[in-house]
Amino acid sequence: MAENVAVKSFLIVDDHEIVRTGLREIIQTISGWIVTGEAADGLQAIDLAYATSPDIMIVDYSMPSMNGVEVCRRIRSHGLATQILFLTVHESEDILTQAVSAGARGVLLKSDARKHLISAIETLLAGEPYLTSVLLEKLLHNYQLNKQNSTTSILTSREQSVVKLVAEGHSNRVIGVMLNLSIKTVETHRAAAMRKLGLSSTAELVRYAIREKIILP
């Protein structure tokens, strides 16, 4: 007796026919995976998605009439349960953030599609997000770089404490009591922090603390 195969439907959205053809050929190598629609622009993609409610939508970023981010946003606002795999040639953290914020559940570079499309789809069908390895490495690198470049990280923990309390409006005497330090030591930490941060006044220090979310405005 033949084993039952769970059928999954796909909508491919890309303005290049050769790309759609290539994606369709890869998808249809899997038993039960059926491409039920193709769209060459954003508006057509939304109409087809509403009409067919596919399990998976593969959406390109750059398209006529409406880009892929806006397509994702419209699909999500409509309440469709469709999982969206965002396809892009751009290794851009900004585009990645836009896509995920708009409702994409996965992001795949076009250069990785032939090798990783099936695993990306399987990941989404399993209820897990998918992020292509190149973009994941890029995000991690940028996060570590931003962390290293954070001006707060150049301050000692004691200097950070003094900066926070000064920004909150406490005097050197009160800060000394709160931190169990002499006024002279508080003044030394305060001067060192301002020198490291390139600040010349208490007002600049307060603005810095608000900008870096050390205190709330």
Protein backbone atom coordinates (compact mmCIF):
# COMPACT_ATOMS: atom_id res chain seq x y z
CA MET A 1 0.00 0.00 0.00
CA ALA A 2 1.41 3.40 -0.96
CA GLU A 3 2.50 5.64 1.90
CA ASN A 4 0.42 8.80 2.31
CA VAL A 5 2.36 11.93 1.41
CA ALA A 6 1.50 15.28 3.00
CA VAL A 7 0.88 17.71 0.15
CA LYS A 8 2.39 21.19 0.52
CA SER A 9 1.55 24.04 -1.84
CA PHE A 10 3.96 26.75 -2.99
CA LEU A 11 3.69 30.21 -4.51
CA ILE A 12 6.86 31.47 -6.20
CA VAL A 13 7.24 35.25 -6.51
CA ASP A 14 10.07 36.58 -8.68
CA ASP A 15 10.15 38.89 -11.68
CA HIS A 16 12.62 36.68 -13.57
CA GLU A 17 11.09 33.68 -15.32
CA ILE A 18 14.36 31.77 -15.30
CA VAL A 19 14.55 32.08 -11.51
CA ARG A 20 10.95 30.92 -11.08
CA THR A 21 11.63 27.96 -13.35
CA GLY A 22 14.74 26.98 -11.40
CA LEU A 23 12.94 27.21 -8.05
CA ARG A 24 9.97 25.23 -9.37
CA GLU A 25 12.23 22.44 -10.63
CA ILE A 26 13.96 22.15 -7.25
CA ILE A 27 10.69 22.18 -5.29
CA GLN A 28 9.03 19.55 -7.46
CA THR A 29 11.82 17.05 -6.83
CA ILE A 30 10.14 16.44 -3.46
CA SER A 31 7.09 14.16 -3.44
CA GLY A 32 3.98 16.05 -2.35
CA TRP A 33 5.43 19.51 -2.92
CA ILE A 34 3.37 21.29 -5.57
CA VAL A 35 3.82 24.75 -7.08
CA THR A 36 0.27 26.07 -7.33
CA GLY A 37 1.13 29.58 -8.52
CA GLU A 38 3.79 31.92 -9.83
CA ALA A 39 3.87 35.72 -9.80
CA ALA A 40 6.16 38.19 -11.55
CA ASP A 41 5.30 41.26 -9.47
CA GLY A 42 4.13 42.20 -5.99
CA LEU A 43 0.50 42.96 -6.74
CA GLN A 44 0.00 39.71 -8.62
CA ALA A 45 1.67 37.87 -5.74
CA ILE A 46 -0.80 39.25 -3.20
CA ASP A 47 -3.81 38.39 -5.39
CA LEU A 48 -2.57 34.81 -5.83
CA ALA A 49 -1.76 34.43 -2.15
CA TYR A 50 -5.26 35.52 -1.15
CA ALA A 51 -6.79 33.19 -3.75
CA THR A 52 -4.73 30.05 -3.02
CA SER A 53 -3.45 30.38 0.61
CA PRO A 54 -0.21 28.47 -0.10
CA ASP A 55 1.72 26.72 2.65
CA ILE A 56 4.95 28.42 1.55
CA MET A 57 5.58 31.64 -0.35
CA ILE A 58 9.04 32.24 -1.79
CA VAL A 59 9.31 36.00 -2.25
CA ASP A 60 12.02 37.95 -4.07
CA TYR A 61 13.05 41.37 -2.75
CA SER A 62 13.36 43.42 -5.94
CA MET A 63 10.18 43.38 -8.04
CA PRO A 64 8.01 45.72 -10.09
CA SER A 65 5.00 47.47 -8.50
CA MET A 66 5.87 46.42 -4.94
CA ASN A 67 9.02 45.02 -3.33
CA GLY A 68 9.14 41.78 -1.38
CA VAL A 69 9.13 43.49 2.02
CA GLU A 70 5.81 45.18 1.30
CA VAL A 71 4.41 41.90 -0.06
CA CYS A 72 5.34 40.21 3.24
CA ARG A 73 3.72 43.02 5.20
CA ARG A 74 0.47 42.80 3.20
CA ILE A 75 0.30 39.02 3.55
CA ARG A 76 0.76 39.21 7.31
CA SER A 77 -1.82 41.99 7.69
CA HIS A 78 -4.32 39.79 5.84
CA GLY A 79 -3.82 37.05 8.44
CA LEU A 80 -2.71 34.25 6.11
CA ALA A 81 -0.94 31.35 7.83
CA THR A 82 1.43 31.10 4.86
CA GLN A 83 5.11 30.75 5.80
CA ILE A 84 7.24 33.26 3.87
CA LEU A 85 10.75 32.49 2.67
CA PHE A 86 12.41 35.73 1.60
CA LEU A 87 14.81 35.41 -1.33
CA THR A 88 17.43 38.08 -2.00
CA VAL A 89 20.75 38.77 -3.70
CA HIS A 90 21.57 41.41 -1.06
CA GLU A 91 23.79 40.56 1.91
CA SER A 92 22.33 43.53 3.74
CA GLU A 93 21.52 43.54 7.44
CA ASP A 94 19.04 46.35 6.80
CA ILE A 95 17.09 44.35 4.20
CA LEU A 96 17.20 41.28 6.45
CA THR A 97 15.76 43.30 9.34
CA GLN A 98 13.05 44.75 7.10
CA ALA A 99 12.06 41.30 5.83
CA VAL A 100 11.84 39.72 9.28
CA SER A 101 9.98 42.72 10.68
CA ALA A 102 7.50 42.48 7.78
CA GLY A 103 6.75 38.85 8.59
CA ALA A 104 9.23 36.69 6.68
CA ARG A 105 9.98 33.49 8.58
CA GLY A 106 13.11 32.67 6.63
CA VAL A 107 15.76 34.46 4.55
CA LEU A 108 17.80 32.80 1.81
CA LEU A 109 20.40 34.27 -0.53
CA LYS A 110 19.75 33.54 -4.19
CA SER A 111 23.33 32.30 -4.52
CA ASP A 112 22.51 29.62 -1.90
CA ALA A 113 19.13 28.63 -3.32
CA ARG A 114 20.20 25.61 -5.38
CA LYS A 115 22.09 24.12 -2.44
CA HIS A 116 19.91 25.12 0.52
CA LEU A 117 16.36 25.75 -0.75
CA ILE A 118 14.98 22.37 0.29
CA SER A 119 16.52 22.50 3.78
CA ALA A 120 15.23 26.07 4.21
CA ILE A 121 11.70 24.99 3.27
CA GLU A 122 11.85 21.92 5.53
CA THR A 123 12.92 24.14 8.40
CA LEU A 124 9.96 26.46 7.87
CA LEU A 125 7.54 23.54 7.54
CA ALA A 126 8.86 22.24 10.87
CA GLY A 127 7.84 25.54 12.46
CA GLU A 128 11.36 26.90 12.83
CA PRO A 129 12.88 30.10 11.38
CA TYR A 130 15.60 29.84 8.75
CA LEU A 131 18.50 32.20 8.14
CA THR A 132 21.09 31.52 5.46
CA SER A 133 24.55 30.96 6.97
CA VAL A 134 26.22 33.92 5.23
CA LEU A 135 23.70 36.36 6.66
CA LEU A 136 23.84 34.75 10.11
CA GLU A 137 27.62 35.13 10.17
CA LYS A 138 27.25 38.74 9.03
CA LEU A 139 24.78 39.50 11.81
CA LEU A 140 27.02 37.93 14.43
CA HIS A 141 30.04 39.82 13.12
CA ASN A 142 28.18 43.15 13.16
CA TYR A 143 26.85 42.47 16.65
CA GLN A 144 30.32 41.73 17.99
CA LEU A 145 31.73 44.79 16.18
CA ASN A 146 29.04 47.05 17.60
CA LYS A 147 29.63 45.63 21.04
CA GLN A 148 33.37 46.29 20.77
CA ASN A 149 32.75 49.82 19.49
CA SER A 150 30.27 50.72 22.22
CA THR A 151 31.60 53.74 24.07
CA THR A 152 30.22 52.40 27.32
CA SER A 153 32.57 49.42 27.11
CA ILE A 154 35.62 51.67 27.44
CA LEU A 155 34.52 52.69 30.93
CA THR A 156 35.29 50.69 34.04
CA SER A 157 32.30 49.37 36.00
CA ARG A 158 32.89 52.04 38.66
CA GLU A 159 33.04 54.80 36.04
CA GLN A 160 29.79 53.54 34.54
CA SER A 161 28.14 53.65 37.96
CA VAL A 162 29.34 57.22 38.54
CA VAL A 163 28.17 58.33 35.06
CA LYS A 164 24.71 56.87 35.70
CA LEU A 165 24.35 58.58 39.07
CA VAL A 166 25.66 61.92 37.79
CA ALA A 167 23.22 61.75 34.88
CA GLU A 168 20.42 61.07 37.35
CA GLY A 169 21.27 64.36 39.05
CA HIS A 170 23.11 63.24 42.18
CA SER A 171 25.91 65.37 43.60
CA ASN A 172 29.45 64.06 44.10
CA ARG A 173 28.83 63.93 47.87
CA VAL A 174 25.65 61.85 47.50
CA ILE A 175 27.31 59.55 44.94
CA GLY A 176 30.18 59.05 47.40
CA VAL A 177 27.73 57.96 50.08
CA MET A 178 25.84 55.67 47.70
CA LEU A 179 29.00 53.98 46.42
CA ASN A 180 30.95 54.20 49.68
CA LEU A 181 33.63 56.36 48.07
CA SER A 182 35.30 59.60 49.04
CA ILE A 183 34.25 62.76 47.19
CA LYS A 184 37.78 62.95 45.74
CA THR A 185 37.50 59.40 44.35
CA VAL A 186 34.09 60.18 42.84
CA GLU A 187 35.56 63.30 41.19
CA THR A 188 38.45 61.20 39.82
CA HIS A 189 36.09 58.59 38.29
CA ARG A 190 33.82 61.30 36.91
CA ALA A 191 36.73 63.16 35.27
CA ALA A 192 38.16 59.94 33.83
CA ALA A 193 34.80 58.91 32.34
CA MET A 194 34.23 62.30 30.75
CA ARG A 195 37.75 62.32 29.31
CA LYS A 196 37.28 58.84 27.77
CA LEU A 197 33.91 59.82 26.33
CA GLY A 198 35.13 63.18 25.03
CA LEU A 199 32.58 65.12 27.08
CA SER A 200 33.14 68.53 28.60
CA SER A 201 30.04 69.27 30.66
CA THR A 202 27.41 67.62 32.83
CA ALA A 203 24.76 68.47 30.22
CA GLU A 204 26.71 66.52 27.57
CA LEU A 205 27.06 63.63 29.99
CA VAL A 206 23.28 63.58 30.57
CA ARG A 207 22.62 63.59 26.81
CA TYR A 208 25.11 60.75 26.38
CA ALA A 209 23.43 58.72 29.15
CA ILE A 210 20.01 59.17 27.54
CA ARG A 211 21.31 58.31 24.06
CA GLU A 212 23.02 55.14 25.31
CA LYS A 213 19.89 54.27 27.37
CA ILE A 214 21.88 54.35 30.62
CA ILE A 215 19.01 56.43 31.99
CA LEU A 216 15.52 57.11 30.73
CA PRO A 217 14.74 60.63 29.42
